[in-house]
């Protein structure tokens, strides 16, 4: 197949040209490629070709692991321009088992976007022991997930396994004793609404602890969905502290910061009138914090963006604010949301967008042939129309009446077309 006439963009630059795909790989990227007899040609004039986005922080609907929910997540992710999605294992039943990972492998051919499993460090049946991390690694786990309140000795051993397997650690940073029954950000609005709040300290103190452990152990660490500017500052300080050591003592800083697209677009004001659509975790913050996080992204200090996908049924959302579930279901609009915010509104380049959405997460996962549009790379690609808009018409969404640019027209995962855009044959 040839994708013809698109603006081809990745983290290395932009050029108008053609891309040939064979057996799931990118074979050629040139100004013009002549089709072979009978070769499929996808006319992509006025469209932009990007590497597929990679989301390192997604969950199945209602945190319930089933074939139906996995397929639903995969199809929604593909429509949102995501080629790979990491599934956080805090679901029931958990993916942190041989059966859970085998289910992902069994559904691989039915997936649109690939769903990747990671293992929970802690054994759910015996919280005082580690999972069989070596076995789960052999079964295909792409990393190890840990909550920040994990026992220190177990955390050290989990880090040792991660180093042994050259896997990243995925950290959820929250002091649950501080956040307790909190349902929104701690501030003036929570006081006015009379709602129990979640203090920023519940995140920042845990980030400080985990950044020190990760830096000491030398493990590759992803700080999932940080929502506090102080948390970002702490991790950046940990990275910079390494540079002050003697060369013989230095370790390569492998700390990676992630925030959600929602914390860059929305604020806690949406919780007004007890709007449960805006109840997500970590909670939405003030406009001041939103602007500071966005500046950190533009400076390259926050390297990863997530959809924070965690769909909840209306039965779990249509309740009093304190009783409603945390969660948001916007993964189908992920790339258009990112394009609208970063490129359309903030004037970032497509090169920078591609680095954040594709190359950085590919590097974190150790994928050497994903994240760029180059020869011998996997054909994980999306075609977007930068001028086509979509108006959100959903009263149950915090983005109701918002307009997004950059509609996803086609998705390829290892060369396999997912969305059915029409093509011609030479």
Protein backbone atom coordinates (compact mmCIF):
# COMPACT_ATOMS: atom_id res chain seq x y z
CA UNK A 1 0.00 0.00 0.00
CA UNK A 2 1.04 3.58 -0.67
CA UNK A 3 -0.24 6.55 1.36
CA UNK A 4 0.07 9.31 -1.21
CA UNK A 5 0.35 13.08 -0.96
CA UNK A 6 0.05 13.55 2.81
CA UNK A 7 2.03 15.96 4.96
CA UNK A 8 4.29 13.40 6.66
CA UNK A 9 5.16 14.52 10.20
CA UNK A 10 7.03 12.97 13.11
CA UNK A 11 9.40 14.12 15.86
CA UNK A 12 12.17 14.62 13.28
CA UNK A 13 10.32 17.01 10.99
CA UNK A 14 7.69 17.53 8.31
CA UNK A 15 7.67 16.87 4.57
CA UNK A 16 5.03 16.32 1.93
CA UNK A 17 5.42 12.92 0.34
CA UNK A 18 4.43 9.28 0.01
CA UNK A 19 4.83 6.31 2.35
CA UNK A 20 4.89 2.66 1.24
CA UNK A 21 3.76 -0.05 3.67
CA UNK A 22 4.45 -3.77 3.26
CA UNK A 23 3.91 -6.60 5.77
CA UNK A 24 3.26 -4.18 8.61
CA UNK A 25 6.44 -2.15 8.08
CA UNK A 26 7.27 1.20 6.52
CA UNK A 27 9.33 0.32 3.44
CA UNK A 28 9.91 3.77 1.95
CA UNK A 29 9.31 7.45 2.72
CA UNK A 30 9.94 9.57 -0.39
CA UNK A 31 8.77 12.71 -2.14
CA UNK A 32 6.96 10.56 -4.73
CA UNK A 33 6.54 6.80 -5.03
CA UNK A 34 5.25 5.13 -8.19
CA UNK A 35 2.67 2.44 -7.46
CA UNK A 36 3.25 -1.13 -8.55
CA UNK A 37 0.67 -2.89 -10.66
CA UNK A 38 -2.37 -3.63 -8.50
CA UNK A 39 -0.92 -1.86 -5.46
CA UNK A 40 -3.43 -0.18 -3.17
CA UNK A 41 -3.11 3.62 -3.10
CA UNK A 42 -4.61 5.79 -0.39
CA UNK A 43 -5.00 9.36 -1.64
CA UNK A 44 -4.22 11.63 1.32
CA UNK A 45 -4.01 15.12 -0.16
CA UNK A 46 -4.70 17.82 2.47
CA UNK A 47 -4.28 15.26 5.28
CA UNK A 48 -1.50 14.92 7.86
CA UNK A 49 0.22 11.58 8.47
CA UNK A 50 1.52 11.06 12.02
CA UNK A 51 2.79 8.10 14.05
CA UNK A 52 0.00 6.58 16.13
CA UNK A 53 -0.32 7.97 19.64
CA UNK A 54 0.66 5.77 22.59
CA UNK A 55 -1.29 6.16 25.85
CA UNK A 56 0.40 4.77 28.97
CA UNK A 57 -2.57 5.15 31.35
CA UNK A 58 -5.96 3.64 30.44
CA UNK A 59 -8.59 1.58 32.22
CA UNK A 60 -11.51 -0.61 31.14
CA UNK A 61 -15.10 0.50 31.73
CA UNK A 62 -16.19 0.33 35.36
CA UNK A 63 -12.76 -1.23 36.12
CA UNK A 64 -14.27 -4.57 35.06
CA UNK A 65 -12.03 -6.81 32.95
CA UNK A 66 -13.97 -8.66 30.27
CA UNK A 67 -13.66 -9.45 26.59
CA UNK A 68 -16.42 -6.96 25.80
CA UNK A 69 -14.78 -4.13 27.76
CA UNK A 70 -11.34 -4.80 26.30
CA UNK A 71 -12.69 -4.72 22.75
CA UNK A 72 -14.65 -1.56 23.52
CA UNK A 73 -11.51 0.15 24.89
CA UNK A 74 -9.47 -0.96 21.87
CA UNK A 75 -12.00 0.32 19.33
CA UNK A 76 -12.46 3.65 21.11
CA UNK A 77 -8.69 4.13 21.36
CA UNK A 78 -8.26 3.52 17.62
CA UNK A 79 -10.95 6.08 16.79
CA UNK A 80 -9.06 8.54 18.99
CA UNK A 81 -5.78 8.02 17.10
CA UNK A 82 -4.13 5.73 19.66
CA UNK A 83 -2.25 2.72 18.30
CA UNK A 84 -1.13 1.28 21.67
CA UNK A 85 -2.78 1.67 25.05
CA UNK A 86 -1.29 0.47 28.34
CA UNK A 87 -3.94 -1.02 30.62
CA UNK A 88 -3.48 -0.20 34.31
CA UNK A 89 -4.02 -3.48 36.23
CA UNK A 90 -6.23 -2.13 39.07
CA UNK A 91 -9.31 -3.83 37.64
CA UNK A 92 -11.32 -6.91 38.56
CA UNK A 93 -10.26 -9.52 37.74
CA UNK A 94 -6.77 -8.08 37.46
CA UNK A 95 -4.54 -8.39 34.42
CA UNK A 96 -1.70 -9.15 36.87
CA UNK A 97 -2.14 -12.86 36.37
CA UNK A 98 -1.24 -15.39 33.72
CA UNK A 99 -4.92 -15.66 32.77
CA UNK A 100 -5.30 -11.89 32.45
CA UNK A 101 -2.29 -11.54 30.16
CA UNK A 102 -3.35 -14.62 28.19
CA UNK A 103 -6.73 -12.95 27.59
CA UNK A 104 -4.96 -9.92 26.10
CA UNK A 105 -2.88 -12.18 23.89
CA UNK A 106 -5.94 -14.18 22.79
CA UNK A 107 -7.77 -11.00 21.73
CA UNK A 108 -4.78 -9.48 19.91
CA UNK A 109 -6.14 -10.23 16.43
CA UNK A 110 -9.52 -8.71 17.34
CA UNK A 111 -8.09 -5.47 18.72
CA UNK A 112 -8.05 -2.27 16.68
CA UNK A 113 -5.57 -0.44 18.91
CA UNK A 114 -3.25 -2.81 20.74
CA UNK A 115 -3.94 -3.19 24.47
CA UNK A 116 -0.74 -3.77 26.44
CA UNK A 117 -0.70 -5.34 29.88
CA UNK A 118 1.51 -4.44 32.82
CA UNK A 119 1.77 -6.32 36.09
CA UNK A 120 0.89 -5.03 39.54
CA UNK A 121 3.89 -5.29 41.84
CA UNK A 122 1.71 -6.54 44.71
CA UNK A 123 -0.10 -9.85 44.82
CA UNK A 124 -3.81 -9.03 45.24
CA UNK A 125 -4.45 -12.20 47.27
CA UNK A 126 -1.47 -11.60 49.55
CA UNK A 127 -0.71 -7.85 49.81
CA UNK A 128 2.45 -8.55 51.80
CA UNK A 129 4.15 -10.28 48.88
CA UNK A 130 5.14 -9.52 45.29
CA UNK A 131 3.46 -10.98 42.26
CA UNK A 132 5.27 -13.60 40.19
CA UNK A 133 6.90 -10.80 38.19
CA UNK A 134 9.31 -13.06 36.28
CA UNK A 135 6.45 -15.25 35.03
CA UNK A 136 4.30 -12.24 34.13
CA UNK A 137 7.21 -10.73 32.22
CA UNK A 138 7.52 -13.92 30.16
CA UNK A 139 3.78 -13.78 29.51
CA UNK A 140 4.17 -10.35 27.92
CA UNK A 141 3.84 -7.74 30.70
CA UNK A 142 5.42 -4.49 29.49
CA UNK A 143 6.12 -2.97 32.90
CA UNK A 144 5.37 -3.02 36.63
CA UNK A 145 2.69 -0.92 38.32
CA UNK A 146 2.96 0.18 41.94
CA UNK A 147 1.07 2.49 44.25
CA UNK A 148 3.31 4.87 46.14
CA UNK A 149 2.23 3.51 49.55
CA UNK A 150 3.78 0.10 48.82
CA UNK A 151 5.99 -1.42 51.54
CA UNK A 152 9.52 -0.06 51.13
CA UNK A 153 11.23 -3.44 50.93
CA UNK A 154 8.72 -4.74 48.39
CA UNK A 155 9.21 -1.56 46.36
CA UNK A 156 12.97 -2.08 46.33
CA UNK A 157 12.57 -5.68 45.15
CA UNK A 158 10.05 -4.65 42.47
CA UNK A 159 12.57 -2.08 41.20
CA UNK A 160 15.23 -4.79 41.06
CA UNK A 161 12.93 -6.92 38.89
CA UNK A 162 12.25 -3.92 36.64
CA UNK A 163 16.00 -3.40 36.19
CA UNK A 164 16.55 -7.09 35.52
CA UNK A 165 13.90 -7.16 32.77
CA UNK A 166 14.67 -3.63 31.50
CA UNK A 167 11.03 -2.65 32.14
CA UNK A 168 9.60 0.70 33.30
CA UNK A 169 7.90 1.19 36.64
CA UNK A 170 4.48 2.90 36.55
CA UNK A 171 3.80 4.83 39.77
CA UNK A 172 0.45 6.08 41.05
CA UNK A 173 1.33 8.71 43.66
CA UNK A 174 -1.31 9.28 46.33
CA UNK A 175 -1.35 9.18 50.11
CA UNK A 176 -4.77 7.57 50.51
CA UNK A 177 -4.86 8.41 54.22
CA UNK A 178 -4.76 12.10 53.28
CA UNK A 179 -7.14 11.95 50.33
CA UNK A 180 -9.44 9.59 52.27
CA UNK A 181 -13.03 10.50 51.40
CA UNK A 182 -12.12 13.54 49.32
CA UNK A 183 -14.02 14.03 46.06
CA UNK A 184 -12.54 17.21 44.52
CA UNK A 185 -9.61 19.62 44.76
CA UNK A 186 -8.97 21.27 48.12
CA UNK A 187 -9.78 24.96 47.72
CA UNK A 188 -12.33 27.72 47.98
CA UNK A 189 -14.81 25.96 45.68
CA UNK A 190 -14.83 22.72 47.68
CA UNK A 191 -15.46 24.75 50.85
CA UNK A 192 -18.31 26.66 49.21
CA UNK A 193 -19.89 23.45 47.91
CA UNK A 194 -19.40 21.73 51.27
CA UNK A 195 -17.60 18.79 49.66
CA UNK A 196 -14.75 16.81 51.25
CA UNK A 197 -11.53 17.67 49.44
CA UNK A 198 -8.28 16.07 48.30
CA UNK A 199 -5.23 18.11 49.38
CA UNK A 200 -2.35 18.60 46.95
CA UNK A 201 -0.05 17.26 49.67
CA UNK A 202 -1.51 13.77 49.16
CA UNK A 203 0.22 13.75 45.76
CA UNK A 204 3.35 15.85 46.31
CA UNK A 205 4.67 14.02 49.38
CA UNK A 206 4.37 10.68 47.57
CA UNK A 207 6.04 12.05 44.44
CA UNK A 208 8.98 13.21 46.57
CA UNK A 209 9.34 9.76 48.12
CA UNK A 210 9.08 7.84 44.86
CA UNK A 211 11.40 10.17 42.95
CA UNK A 212 14.09 9.58 45.56
CA UNK A 213 13.62 5.79 45.43
CA UNK A 214 13.59 5.72 41.63
CA UNK A 215 16.67 7.92 41.38
CA UNK A 216 18.56 5.81 43.92
CA UNK A 217 17.61 2.53 42.23
CA UNK A 218 18.24 3.85 38.72
CA UNK A 219 14.93 2.45 37.51
CA UNK A 220 12.93 3.90 34.63
CA UNK A 221 9.93 5.51 36.35
CA UNK A 222 6.71 6.99 34.96
CA UNK A 223 4.82 9.28 37.33
CA UNK A 224 1.23 8.72 36.23
CA UNK A 225 -1.20 11.62 35.71
CA UNK A 226 0.40 14.24 37.93
CA UNK A 227 -1.89 17.22 38.53
CA UNK A 228 0.22 19.48 40.77
CA UNK A 229 2.84 21.94 39.56
CA UNK A 230 4.83 21.25 42.74
CA UNK A 231 4.95 17.54 41.85
CA UNK A 232 6.50 18.41 38.49
CA UNK A 233 8.98 20.68 40.25
CA UNK A 234 10.02 17.90 42.64
CA UNK A 235 10.76 15.44 39.83
CA UNK A 236 12.63 18.07 37.82
CA UNK A 237 14.74 18.82 40.91
CA UNK A 238 15.52 15.10 41.23
CA UNK A 239 16.65 14.99 37.61
CA UNK A 240 18.85 18.06 38.00
CA UNK A 241 20.38 16.85 41.28
CA UNK A 242 21.98 14.00 39.38
CA UNK A 243 24.04 16.49 37.36
CA UNK A 244 25.72 17.86 40.49
CA UNK A 245 27.26 14.48 41.37
CA UNK A 246 30.71 13.32 40.36
CA UNK A 247 30.65 11.55 36.96
CA UNK A 248 31.42 8.20 38.65
CA UNK A 249 28.33 8.63 40.86
CA UNK A 250 25.91 9.82 38.19
CA UNK A 251 23.05 7.66 37.01
CA UNK A 252 21.09 8.44 33.87
CA UNK A 253 17.89 10.21 35.03
CA UNK A 254 15.07 7.92 33.95
CA UNK A 255 12.17 9.84 35.50
CA UNK A 256 9.26 10.64 33.20
CA UNK A 257 6.39 12.99 33.94
CA UNK A 258 2.85 12.42 32.71
CA UNK A 259 -0.24 14.59 32.98
CA UNK A 260 -3.67 14.18 31.46
CA UNK A 261 -5.07 16.22 28.59
CA UNK A 262 -8.01 17.09 30.88
CA UNK A 263 -5.80 18.80 33.47
CA UNK A 264 -4.47 20.96 30.62
CA UNK A 265 -7.91 21.91 29.28
CA UNK A 266 -10.35 21.89 32.22
CA UNK A 267 -10.45 23.41 35.71
CA UNK A 268 -12.21 22.64 38.97
CA UNK A 269 -14.83 25.28 38.13
CA UNK A 270 -16.63 22.54 36.17
CA UNK A 271 -17.44 20.86 39.49
CA UNK A 272 -19.74 23.78 40.25
CA UNK A 273 -23.41 22.85 40.59
CA UNK A 274 -22.19 19.37 41.65
CA UNK A 275 -21.43 18.33 38.07
CA UNK A 276 -20.27 14.71 38.36
CA UNK A 277 -19.01 14.69 34.76
CA UNK A 278 -16.05 16.69 36.08
CA UNK A 279 -15.31 14.24 38.89
CA UNK A 280 -12.02 12.64 37.90
CA UNK A 281 -8.93 11.48 39.76
CA UNK A 282 -6.60 13.20 40.33
CA UNK A 283 -9.10 16.02 40.71
CA UNK A 284 -9.25 18.99 38.37
CA UNK A 285 -7.28 21.98 39.67
CA UNK A 286 -7.39 25.77 39.48
CA UNK A 287 -6.84 27.85 36.35
CA UNK A 288 -3.46 28.90 37.75
CA UNK A 289 -2.33 25.28 38.07
CA UNK A 290 -3.68 24.39 34.61
CA UNK A 291 -1.66 27.22 33.04
CA UNK A 292 1.51 26.22 34.91
CA UNK A 293 1.21 22.58 33.83
CA UNK A 294 0.70 23.67 30.23
CA UNK A 295 3.87 25.77 30.38
CA UNK A 296 5.76 22.74 31.71
CA UNK A 297 4.54 20.69 28.72
CA UNK A 298 5.64 23.37 26.25
CA UNK A 299 9.08 23.50 27.90
CA UNK A 300 9.42 19.73 27.50
CA UNK A 301 9.51 19.04 31.24
CA UNK A 302 6.29 17.01 31.10
CA UNK A 303 7.07 14.42 28.43
CA UNK A 304 3.89 12.31 28.38
CA UNK A 305 0.18 12.98 27.91
CA UNK A 306 -2.64 10.57 28.72
CA UNK A 307 -6.36 10.41 27.97
CA UNK A 308 -6.81 9.14 31.56
CA UNK A 309 -9.50 6.89 30.10
CA UNK A 310 -11.69 5.43 32.84
CA UNK A 311 -15.24 5.17 31.55
CA UNK A 312 -18.02 4.81 34.10
CA UNK A 313 -21.61 3.84 33.42
CA UNK A 314 -24.38 6.39 33.96
CA UNK A 315 -25.54 4.35 36.93
CA UNK A 316 -22.21 5.15 38.62
CA UNK A 317 -22.12 8.80 37.51
CA UNK A 318 -25.75 9.87 37.93
CA UNK A 319 -25.52 10.08 41.72
CA UNK A 320 -24.87 12.72 44.36
CA UNK A 321 -21.36 14.16 43.85
CA UNK A 322 -19.90 12.45 46.92
CA UNK A 323 -21.24 9.06 45.82
CA UNK A 324 -20.53 9.28 42.09
CA UNK A 325 -17.57 7.41 40.61
CA UNK A 326 -14.35 9.05 39.48
CA UNK A 327 -13.82 8.70 35.75
CA UNK A 328 -13.97 10.19 32.26
CA UNK A 329 -14.66 8.72 28.82
CA UNK A 330 -13.01 10.86 26.11
CA UNK A 331 -10.43 8.55 24.53
CA UNK A 332 -12.27 8.63 21.18
CA UNK A 333 -11.32 12.32 20.87
CA UNK A 334 -7.77 12.08 22.22
CA UNK A 335 -5.69 13.16 19.22
CA UNK A 336 -8.17 15.88 18.12
CA UNK A 337 -8.14 17.25 21.70
CA UNK A 338 -4.34 17.30 21.72
CA UNK A 339 -4.17 18.82 18.24
CA UNK A 340 -6.68 21.51 19.19
CA UNK A 341 -4.90 22.48 22.41
CA UNK A 342 -1.25 22.18 21.44
CA UNK A 343 -1.19 23.02 17.72
CA UNK A 344 -4.33 25.09 17.09
CA UNK A 345 -4.40 27.09 20.33
CA UNK A 346 -0.82 27.05 21.66
CA UNK A 347 0.96 27.09 18.26
CA UNK A 348 3.16 24.11 19.00
CA UNK A 349 4.58 22.36 15.94
CA UNK A 350 3.38 19.00 14.66
CA UNK A 351 6.92 17.82 15.36
CA UNK A 352 6.51 18.63 19.06
CA UNK A 353 3.03 17.08 19.14
CA UNK A 354 4.37 13.86 17.64
CA UNK A 355 7.24 13.73 20.12
CA UNK A 356 4.86 13.98 23.09
CA UNK A 357 2.20 11.59 21.81
CA UNK A 358 4.34 8.98 20.04
CA UNK A 359 8.14 9.05 20.31
CA UNK A 360 8.43 9.73 24.05
CA UNK A 361 6.05 6.93 25.14
CA UNK A 362 7.63 4.55 22.59
CA UNK A 363 11.04 5.24 24.14
CA UNK A 364 9.65 4.74 27.65
CA UNK A 365 8.35 1.29 26.67
CA UNK A 366 11.60 0.44 24.92
CA UNK A 367 9.97 0.16 21.48
CA UNK A 368 12.82 0.69 19.05
CA UNK A 369 10.69 0.58 15.90
CA UNK A 370 7.71 2.71 16.88
CA UNK A 371 7.11 6.44 17.25
CA UNK A 372 8.64 7.65 13.97
CA UNK A 373 7.80 7.49 10.25
CA UNK A 374 11.01 5.95 8.93
CA UNK A 375 12.06 2.92 6.92
CA UNK A 376 11.94 -0.35 8.92
CA UNK A 377 9.64 1.18 11.55
CA UNK A 378 6.29 -0.41 12.35
CA UNK A 379 3.46 1.05 10.28
CA UNK A 380 1.56 2.45 13.28
CA UNK A 381 0.14 5.56 11.64
CA UNK A 382 -2.79 7.95 11.72
CA UNK A 383 -4.19 10.27 9.08
CA UNK A 384 -5.84 13.41 10.41
CA UNK A 385 -7.67 16.25 8.72
CA UNK A 386 -6.48 19.44 10.47
CA UNK A 387 -9.43 21.44 9.14
CA UNK A 388 -12.25 19.03 9.94
CA UNK A 389 -14.06 19.87 13.17
CA UNK A 390 -16.19 17.92 15.57
CA UNK A 391 -18.65 19.53 17.99
CA UNK A 392 -19.17 17.59 21.20
CA UNK A 393 -22.91 17.11 21.64
CA UNK A 394 -23.14 15.20 24.91
CA UNK A 395 -24.66 16.82 28.03
CA UNK A 396 -22.97 14.13 30.15
CA UNK A 397 -19.49 15.18 29.00
CA UNK A 398 -17.45 17.97 30.59
CA UNK A 399 -16.63 18.97 27.00
CA UNK A 400 -20.24 19.46 25.89
CA UNK A 401 -20.37 22.09 23.08
CA UNK A 402 -16.57 22.13 22.69
CA UNK A 403 -15.14 22.17 19.15
CA UNK A 404 -12.16 19.95 18.32
CA UNK A 405 -10.00 20.10 15.19
CA UNK A 406 -7.91 17.36 13.59
CA UNK A 407 -10.41 14.55 12.99
CA UNK A 408 -8.82 11.09 12.72
CA UNK A 409 -9.63 9.76 9.23
CA UNK A 410 -7.64 6.51 9.26
CA UNK A 411 -5.58 4.42 11.62
CA UNK A 412 -2.97 1.75 10.83
CA UNK A 413 -1.60 -0.63 13.45
CA UNK A 414 1.35 -2.63 12.08
CA UNK A 415 0.00 -1.87 8.63
CA UNK A 416 -3.51 -3.09 9.36
CA UNK A 417 -6.19 -0.52 8.57
CA UNK A 418 -8.65 0.07 11.40
CA UNK A 419 -11.16 2.72 10.30
CA UNK A 420 -12.04 1.89 6.69
CA UNK A 421 -10.95 5.03 4.79
CA UNK A 422 -11.46 4.46 1.06
CA UNK A 423 -8.48 3.65 -1.20
CA UNK A 424 -7.87 3.06 -4.92
CA UNK A 425 -5.90 0.44 -6.80
CA UNK A 426 -3.37 1.30 -9.50
